[in-house]
């Protein structure tokens, strides 16, 4: 199993999509973890969700976990697809 961590503040980059395609080609189980969610405004979060759907549409089998880190506390999962 592979956990692909992407930075929500950078959006889904071409490199993220390329690595995801490589993982798919290798036939590995995949979880995509979206990090740094708490640093985004609501409209930026909507944009990232659209970018996930657009750039990673070929990963419809994968689980997506969006999480945020609270200062001086553990990270919290806030969305699972």
PDB file of N, CA and C in Angstrom:
ATOM      1  N   UNK A   1       0.831  -1.168   0.000  1.00  0.00           N
ATOM      2  CA  UNK A   1       0.000   0.000   0.000  1.00  0.00           C
ATOM      3  C   UNK A   1       0.883   1.241   0.000  1.00  0.00           C
ATOM      4  N   UNK A   2       0.421   2.256  -0.706  1.00  0.00           N
ATOM      5  CA  UNK A   2       1.137   3.523  -0.804  1.00  0.00           C
ATOM      6  C   UNK A   2       0.246   4.636  -0.263  1.00  0.00           C
ATOM      7  N   UNK A   3       0.849   5.533   0.509  1.00  0.00           N
ATOM      8  CA  UNK A   3       0.157   6.748   0.937  1.00  0.00           C
ATOM      9  C   UNK A   3       0.836   7.912   0.228  1.00  0.00           C
ATOM     10  N   UNK A   4       0.098   8.560  -0.659  1.00  0.00           N
ATOM     11  CA  UNK A   4       0.599   9.715  -1.403  1.00  0.00           C
ATOM     12  C   UNK A   4       0.137  10.966  -0.676  1.00  0.00           C
ATOM     13  N   UNK A   5       1.079  11.724  -0.129  1.00  0.00           N
ATOM     14  CA  UNK A   5       0.754  12.939   0.616  1.00  0.00           C
ATOM     15  C   UNK A   5       0.932  14.134  -0.308  1.00  0.00           C
ATOM     16  N   UNK A   6      -0.131  14.923  -0.447  1.00  0.00           N
ATOM     17  CA  UNK A   6      -0.058  16.134  -1.267  1.00  0.00           C
ATOM     18  C   UNK A   6      -0.354  17.354  -0.394  1.00  0.00           C
ATOM     19  N   UNK A   7       0.214  18.471  -0.772  1.00  0.00           N
ATOM     20  CA  UNK A   7       0.096  19.719  -0.032  1.00  0.00           C
ATOM     21  C   UNK A   7      -1.099  20.507  -0.555  1.00  0.00           C
ATOM     22  N   UNK A   8      -2.132  20.666   0.255  1.00  0.00           N
ATOM     23  CA  UNK A   8      -3.337  21.379  -0.171  1.00  0.00           C
ATOM     24  C   UNK A   8      -3.036  22.822  -0.543  1.00  0.00           C
ATOM     25  N   UNK A   9      -2.060  23.421   0.114  1.00  0.00           N
ATOM     26  CA  UNK A   9      -1.747  24.829  -0.157  1.00  0.00           C
ATOM     27  C   UNK A   9      -1.093  25.005  -1.521  1.00  0.00           C
ATOM     28  N   UNK A  10      -0.472  23.951  -2.054  1.00  0.00           N
ATOM     29  CA  UNK A  10       0.105  24.008  -3.399  1.00  0.00           C
ATOM     30  C   UNK A  10      -0.872  23.527  -4.460  1.00  0.00           C
ATOM     31  N   UNK A  11      -1.938  22.871  -4.032  1.00  0.00           N
ATOM     32  CA  UNK A  11      -2.865  22.264  -4.982  1.00  0.00           C
ATOM     33  C   UNK A  11      -2.277  20.951  -5.502  1.00  0.00           C
ATOM     34  N   UNK A  12      -2.972  20.340  -6.435  1.00  0.00           N
ATOM     35  CA  UNK A  12      -2.503  19.087  -7.019  1.00  0.00           C
ATOM     36  C   UNK A  12      -1.552  19.454  -8.154  1.00  0.00           C
ATOM     37  N   UNK A  13      -0.278  19.177  -7.961  1.00  0.00           N
ATOM     38  CA  UNK A  13       0.732  19.538  -8.954  1.00  0.00           C
ATOM     39  C   UNK A  13       0.830  18.469 -10.029  1.00  0.00           C
ATOM     40  N   UNK A  14       1.504  18.811 -11.119  1.00  0.00           N
ATOM     41  CA  UNK A  14       1.751  17.836 -12.185  1.00  0.00           C
ATOM     42  C   UNK A  14       2.584  16.676 -11.655  1.00  0.00           C
ATOM     43  N   UNK A  15       3.505  16.967 -10.758  1.00  0.00           N
ATOM     44  CA  UNK A  15       4.322  15.910 -10.169  1.00  0.00           C
ATOM     45  C   UNK A  15       3.456  14.966  -9.330  1.00  0.00           C
ATOM     46  N   UNK A  16       2.505  15.503  -8.574  1.00  0.00           N
ATOM     47  CA  UNK A  16       1.581  14.664  -7.810  1.00  0.00           C
ATOM     48  C   UNK A  16       0.846  13.703  -8.739  1.00  0.00           C
ATOM     49  N   UNK A  17       0.319  14.236  -9.843  1.00  0.00           N
ATOM     50  CA  UNK A  17      -0.424  13.416 -10.801  1.00  0.00           C
ATOM     51  C   UNK A  17       0.479  12.371 -11.443  1.00  0.00           C
ATOM     52  N   UNK A  18       1.715  12.749 -11.742  1.00  0.00           N
ATOM     53  CA  UNK A  18       2.666  11.814 -12.358  1.00  0.00           C
ATOM     54  C   UNK A  18       2.990  10.667 -11.406  1.00  0.00           C
ATOM     55  N   UNK A  19       3.253  10.985 -10.149  1.00  0.00           N
ATOM     56  CA  UNK A  19       3.553   9.951  -9.150  1.00  0.00           C
ATOM     57  C   UNK A  19       2.332   9.053  -8.963  1.00  0.00           C
ATOM     58  N   UNK A  20       1.134   9.641  -8.919  1.00  0.00           N
ATOM     59  CA  UNK A  20      -0.091   8.855  -8.778  1.00  0.00           C
ATOM     60  C   UNK A  20      -0.263   7.891  -9.947  1.00  0.00           C
ATOM     61  N   UNK A  21       0.036   8.346 -11.159  1.00  0.00           N
ATOM     62  CA  UNK A  21      -0.053   7.469 -12.336  1.00  0.00           C
ATOM     63  C   UNK A  21       0.954   6.331 -12.243  1.00  0.00           C
ATOM     64  N   UNK A  22       2.130   6.607 -11.756  1.00  0.00           N
ATOM     65  CA  UNK A  22       3.150   5.575 -11.570  1.00  0.00           C
ATOM     66  C   UNK A  22       2.676   4.530 -10.555  1.00  0.00           C
ATOM     67  N   UNK A  23       2.064   4.973  -9.471  1.00  0.00           N
ATOM     68  CA  UNK A  23       1.534   4.060  -8.454  1.00  0.00           C
ATOM     69  C   UNK A  23       0.440   3.181  -9.059  1.00  0.00           C
ATOM     70  N   UNK A  24      -0.441   3.791  -9.846  1.00  0.00           N
ATOM     71  CA  UNK A  24      -1.503   3.053 -10.517  1.00  0.00           C
ATOM     72  C   UNK A  24      -0.918   2.000 -11.450  1.00  0.00           C
ATOM     73  N   UNK A  25       0.060   2.400 -12.225  1.00  0.00           N
ATOM     74  CA  UNK A  25       0.712   1.488 -13.169  1.00  0.00           C
ATOM     75  C   UNK A  25       1.374   0.310 -12.452  1.00  0.00           C
ATOM     76  N   UNK A  26       1.905   0.562 -11.250  1.00  0.00           N
ATOM     77  CA  UNK A  26       2.559  -0.482 -10.466  1.00  0.00           C
ATOM     78  C   UNK A  26       1.545  -1.410  -9.797  1.00  0.00           C
ATOM     79  N   UNK A  27       0.262  -1.056  -9.855  1.00  0.00           N
ATOM     80  CA  UNK A  27      -0.778  -1.902  -9.302  1.00  0.00           C
ATOM     81  C   UNK A  27      -0.854  -1.911  -7.785  1.00  0.00           C
ATOM     82  N   UNK A  28      -0.435  -0.835  -7.170  1.00  0.00           N
ATOM     83  CA  UNK A  28      -0.430  -0.754  -5.704  1.00  0.00           C
ATOM     84  C   UNK A  28      -1.735  -0.178  -5.178  1.00  0.00           C
ATOM     85  N   UNK A  29      -2.098  -0.604  -3.973  1.00  0.00           N
ATOM     86  CA  UNK A  29      -3.215   0.014  -3.266  1.00  0.00           C
ATOM     87  C   UNK A  29      -2.795   1.436  -2.900  1.00  0.00           C
ATOM     88  N   UNK A  30      -3.745   2.359  -2.873  1.00  0.00           N
ATOM     89  CA  UNK A  30      -3.386   3.767  -2.713  1.00  0.00           C
ATOM     90  C   UNK A  30      -4.361   4.507  -1.812  1.00  0.00           C
ATOM     91  N   UNK A  31      -3.789   5.309  -0.931  1.00  0.00           N
ATOM     92  CA  UNK A  31      -4.524   6.295  -0.151  1.00  0.00           C
ATOM     93  C   UNK A  31      -3.874   7.642  -0.450  1.00  0.00           C
ATOM     94  N   UNK A  32      -4.687   8.622  -0.815  1.00  0.00           N
ATOM     95  CA  UNK A  32      -4.184   9.968  -1.063  1.00  0.00           C
ATOM     96  C   UNK A  32      -4.511  10.811   0.168  1.00  0.00           C
ATOM     97  N   UNK A  33      -3.476  11.344   0.800  1.00  0.00           N
ATOM     98  CA  UNK A  33      -3.639  12.166   1.998  1.00  0.00           C
ATOM     99  C   UNK A  33      -3.411  13.628   1.623  1.00  0.00           C
ATOM    100  N   UNK A  34      -4.404  14.446   1.855  1.00  0.00           N
ATOM    101  CA  UNK A  34      -4.321  15.880   1.552  1.00  0.00           C
ATOM    102  C   UNK A  34      -3.946  16.590   2.849  1.00  0.00           C
ATOM    103  N   UNK A  35      -2.776  17.206   2.869  1.00  0.00           N
ATOM    104  CA  UNK A  35      -2.197  17.827   4.065  1.00  0.00           C
ATOM    105  C   UNK A  35      -2.345  19.350   4.026  1.00  0.00           C
ATOM    106  N   UNK A  36      -2.240  19.975   5.171  1.00  0.00           N
ATOM    107  CA  UNK A  36      -2.248  21.440   5.334  1.00  0.00           C
ATOM    108  C   UNK A  36      -3.597  22.069   4.967  1.00  0.00           C
ATOM    109  N   UNK A  37      -4.655  21.336   5.183  1.00  0.00           N
ATOM    110  CA  UNK A  37      -6.006  21.792   4.867  1.00  0.00           C
ATOM    111  C   UNK A  37      -6.417  22.992   5.701  1.00  0.00           C
ATOM    112  N   UNK A  38      -5.960  23.014   6.945  1.00  0.00           N
ATOM    113  CA  UNK A  38      -6.372  24.074   7.866  1.00  0.00           C
ATOM    114  C   UNK A  38      -5.828  25.444   7.482  1.00  0.00           C
ATOM    115  N   UNK A  39      -4.860  25.509   6.597  1.00  0.00           N
ATOM    116  CA  UNK A  39      -4.311  26.789   6.167  1.00  0.00           C
ATOM    117  C   UNK A  39      -5.063  27.415   5.012  1.00  0.00           C
ATOM    118  N   UNK A  40      -6.159  26.788   4.573  1.00  0.00           N
ATOM    119  CA  UNK A  40      -6.906  27.276   3.416  1.00  0.00           C
ATOM    120  C   UNK A  40      -8.212  27.938   3.824  1.00  0.00           C
ATOM    121  N   UNK A  41      -8.609  28.926   3.035  1.00  0.00           N
ATOM    122  CA  UNK A  41      -9.930  29.535   3.186  1.00  0.00           C
ATOM    123  C   UNK A  41     -10.951  28.631   2.491  1.00  0.00           C
ATOM    124  N   UNK A  42     -12.217  28.853   2.756  1.00  0.00           N
ATOM    125  CA  UNK A  42     -13.282  28.001   2.216  1.00  0.00           C
ATOM    126  C   UNK A  42     -13.247  27.920   0.688  1.00  0.00           C
ATOM    127  N   UNK A  43     -13.058  29.048   0.008  1.00  0.00           N
ATOM    128  CA  UNK A  43     -13.032  29.018  -1.463  1.00  0.00           C
ATOM    129  C   UNK A  43     -11.795  28.285  -1.986  1.00  0.00           C
ATOM    130  N   UNK A  44     -10.689  28.368  -1.252  1.00  0.00           N
ATOM    131  CA  UNK A  44      -9.487  27.619  -1.641  1.00  0.00           C
ATOM    132  C   UNK A  44      -9.704  26.114  -1.453  1.00  0.00           C
ATOM    133  N   UNK A  45     -10.428  25.742  -0.421  1.00  0.00           N
ATOM    134  CA  UNK A  45     -10.741  24.327  -0.196  1.00  0.00           C
ATOM    135  C   UNK A  45     -11.604  23.791  -1.332  1.00  0.00           C
ATOM    136  N   UNK A  46     -12.578  24.573  -1.749  1.00  0.00           N
ATOM    137  CA  UNK A  46     -13.423  24.170  -2.876  1.00  0.00           C
ATOM    138  C   UNK A  46     -12.587  23.991  -4.134  1.00  0.00           C
ATOM    139  N   UNK A  47     -11.630  24.893  -4.356  1.00  0.00           N
ATOM    140  CA  UNK A  47     -10.752  24.810  -5.519  1.00  0.00           C
ATOM    141  C   UNK A  47      -9.908  23.532  -5.479  1.00  0.00           C
ATOM    142  N   UNK A  48      -9.365  23.197  -4.310  1.00  0.00           N
ATOM    143  CA  UNK A  48      -8.552  21.979  -4.177  1.00  0.00           C
ATOM    144  C   UNK A  48      -9.404  20.744  -4.459  1.00  0.00           C
ATOM    145  N   UNK A  49     -10.629  20.710  -3.970  1.00  0.00           N
ATOM    146  CA  UNK A  49     -11.506  19.576  -4.244  1.00  0.00           C
ATOM    147  C   UNK A  49     -11.766  19.435  -5.746  1.00  0.00           C
ATOM    148  N   UNK A  50     -11.957  20.559  -6.427  1.00  0.00           N
ATOM    149  CA  UNK A  50     -12.146  20.508  -7.883  1.00  0.00           C
ATOM    150  C   UNK A  50     -10.879  20.032  -8.583  1.00  0.00           C
ATOM    151  N   UNK A  51      -9.722  20.467  -8.096  1.00  0.00           N
ATOM    152  CA  UNK A  51      -8.448  20.020  -8.665  1.00  0.00           C
ATOM    153  C   UNK A  51      -8.252  18.515  -8.484  1.00  0.00           C
ATOM    154  N   UNK A  52      -8.653  17.994  -7.333  1.00  0.00           N
ATOM    155  CA  UNK A  52      -8.582  16.553  -7.100  1.00  0.00           C
ATOM    156  C   UNK A  52      -9.433  15.825  -8.134  1.00  0.00           C
ATOM    157  N   UNK A  53     -10.667  16.281  -8.309  1.00  0.00           N
ATOM    158  CA  UNK A  53     -11.560  15.644  -9.274  1.00  0.00           C
ATOM    159  C   UNK A  53     -11.031  15.750 -10.699  1.00  0.00           C
ATOM    160  N   UNK A  54     -10.420  16.866 -11.034  1.00  0.00           N
ATOM    161  CA  UNK A  54      -9.950  17.091 -12.408  1.00  0.00           C
ATOM    162  C   UNK A  54      -8.631  16.376 -12.690  1.00  0.00           C
ATOM    163  N   UNK A  55      -7.645  16.542 -11.818  1.00  0.00           N
ATOM    164  CA  UNK A  55      -6.308  16.023 -12.102  1.00  0.00           C
ATOM    165  C   UNK A  55      -6.085  14.575 -11.665  1.00  0.00           C
ATOM    166  N   UNK A  56      -6.909  14.113 -10.730  1.00  0.00           N
ATOM    167  CA  UNK A  56      -6.725  12.749 -10.237  1.00  0.00           C
ATOM    168  C   UNK A  56      -7.969  11.891 -10.489  1.00  0.00           C
ATOM    169  N   UNK A  57      -8.707  12.208 -11.533  1.00  0.00           N
ATOM    170  CA  UNK A  57      -9.936  11.477 -11.824  1.00  0.00           C
ATOM    171  C   UNK A  57      -9.689  10.002 -12.095  1.00  0.00           C
ATOM    172  N   UNK A  58      -8.498   9.650 -12.520  1.00  0.00           N
ATOM    173  CA  UNK A  58      -8.161   8.254 -12.818  1.00  0.00           C
ATOM    174  C   UNK A  58      -7.941   7.434 -11.546  1.00  0.00           C
ATOM    175  N   UNK A  59      -8.030   8.063 -10.386  1.00  0.00           N
ATOM    176  CA  UNK A  59      -7.857   7.379  -9.111  1.00  0.00           C
ATOM    177  C   UNK A  59      -9.193   7.158  -8.403  1.00  0.00           C
ATOM    178  N   UNK A  60     -10.218   6.859  -9.162  1.00  0.00           N
ATOM    179  CA  UNK A  60     -11.546   6.697  -8.562  1.00  0.00           C
ATOM    180  C   UNK A  60     -11.620   5.529  -7.585  1.00  0.00           C
ATOM    181  N   UNK A  61     -10.671   4.623  -7.626  1.00  0.00           N
ATOM    182  CA  UNK A  61     -10.630   3.478  -6.714  1.00  0.00           C
ATOM    183  C   UNK A  61      -9.965   3.823  -5.379  1.00  0.00           C
ATOM    184  N   UNK A  62      -9.213   4.903  -5.346  1.00  0.00           N
ATOM    185  CA  UNK A  62      -8.391   5.240  -4.175  1.00  0.00           C
ATOM    186  C   UNK A  62      -9.216   5.920  -3.085  1.00  0.00           C
ATOM    187  N   UNK A  63      -8.742   5.785  -1.877  1.00  0.00           N
ATOM    188  CA  UNK A  63      -9.321   6.529  -0.753  1.00  0.00           C
ATOM    189  C   UNK A  63      -8.612   7.873  -0.643  1.00  0.00           C
ATOM    190  N   UNK A  64      -9.370   8.899  -0.351  1.00  0.00           N
ATOM    191  CA  UNK A  64      -8.817  10.229  -0.147  1.00  0.00           C
ATOM    192  C   UNK A  64      -9.102  10.639   1.288  1.00  0.00           C
ATOM    193  N   UNK A  65      -8.064  11.088   1.980  1.00  0.00           N
ATOM    194  CA  UNK A  65      -8.204  11.551   3.352  1.00  0.00           C
ATOM    195  C   UNK A  65      -7.696  12.982   3.421  1.00  0.00           C
ATOM    196  N   UNK A  66      -8.526  13.871   3.896  1.00  0.00           N
ATOM    197  CA  UNK A  66      -8.116  15.258   4.086  1.00  0.00           C
ATOM    198  C   UNK A  66      -7.920  15.455   5.583  1.00  0.00           C
ATOM    199  N   UNK A  67      -6.741  15.942   5.948  1.00  0.00           N
ATOM    200  CA  UNK A  67      -6.496  16.138   7.369  1.00  0.00           C
ATOM    201  C   UNK A  67      -5.812  17.463   7.614  1.00  0.00           C
ATOM    202  N   UNK A  68      -5.910  17.886   8.857  1.00  0.00           N
ATOM    203  CA  UNK A  68      -5.289  19.144   9.251  1.00  0.00           C
ATOM    204  C   UNK A  68      -4.550  18.940  10.556  1.00  0.00           C
ATOM    205  N   UNK A  69      -3.583  19.766  10.768  1.00  0.00           N
ATOM    206  CA  UNK A  69      -2.761  19.676  11.959  1.00  0.00           C
ATOM    207  C   UNK A  69      -3.094  20.850  12.861  1.00  0.00           C
ATOM    208  N   UNK A  70      -3.420  20.539  14.077  1.00  0.00           N
ATOM    209  CA  UNK A  70      -3.698  21.599  15.050  1.00  0.00           C
ATOM    210  C   UNK A  70      -2.403  21.891  15.804  1.00  0.00           C
ATOM    211  N   UNK A  71      -2.106  23.140  15.983  1.00  0.00           N
ATOM    212  CA  UNK A  71      -0.871  23.535  16.657  1.00  0.00           C
ATOM    213  C   UNK A  71      -0.713  22.804  17.987  1.00  0.00           C
ATOM    214  N   UNK A  72       0.423  22.156  18.156  1.00  0.00           N
ATOM    215  CA  UNK A  72       0.790  21.459  19.386  1.00  0.00           C
ATOM    216  C   UNK A  72      -0.159  20.325  19.757  1.00  0.00           C
ATOM    217  N   UNK A  73      -0.939  19.822  18.779  1.00  0.00           N
ATOM    218  CA  UNK A  73      -1.815  18.682  19.029  1.00  0.00           C
ATOM    219  C   UNK A  73      -1.714  17.727  17.847  1.00  0.00           C
ATOM    220  N   UNK A  74      -2.316  16.587  17.970  1.00  0.00           N
ATOM    221  CA  UNK A  74      -2.295  15.587  16.903  1.00  0.00           C
ATOM    222  C   UNK A  74      -3.110  16.061  15.703  1.00  0.00           C
ATOM    223  N   UNK A  75      -2.803  15.492  14.559  1.00  0.00           N
ATOM    224  CA  UNK A  75      -3.556  15.793  13.346  1.00  0.00           C
ATOM    225  C   UNK A  75      -4.948  15.183  13.442  1.00  0.00           C
ATOM    226  N   UNK A  76      -5.904  15.794  12.779  1.00  0.00           N
ATOM    227  CA  UNK A  76      -7.265  15.277  12.784  1.00  0.00           C
ATOM    228  C   UNK A  76      -7.762  15.049  11.368  1.00  0.00           C
ATOM    229  N   UNK A  77      -8.382  13.914  11.141  1.00  0.00           N
ATOM    230  CA  UNK A  77      -8.975  13.616   9.837  1.00  0.00           C
ATOM    231  C   UNK A  77     -10.318  14.320   9.766  1.00  0.00           C
ATOM    232  N   UNK A  78     -10.537  15.064   8.681  1.00  0.00           N
ATOM    233  CA  UNK A  78     -11.787  15.810   8.572  1.00  0.00           C
ATOM    234  C   UNK A  78     -12.636  15.397   7.391  1.00  0.00           C
ATOM    235  N   UNK A  79     -12.131  14.550   6.507  1.00  0.00           N
ATOM    236  CA  UNK A  79     -12.895  14.133   5.340  1.00  0.00           C
ATOM    237  C   UNK A  79     -12.288  12.852   4.786  1.00  0.00           C
ATOM    238  N   UNK A  80     -13.128  11.927   4.455  1.00  0.00           N
ATOM    239  CA  UNK A  80     -12.666  10.707   3.802  1.00  0.00           C
ATOM    240  C   UNK A  80     -13.560  10.454   2.614  1.00  0.00           C
ATOM    241  N   UNK A  81     -12.959  10.215   1.451  1.00  0.00           N
ATOM    242  CA  UNK A  81     -13.733   9.885   0.245  1.00  0.00           C
ATOM    243  C   UNK A  81     -13.441   8.467  -0.143  1.00  0.00           C
TER     244      UNK A  81
END
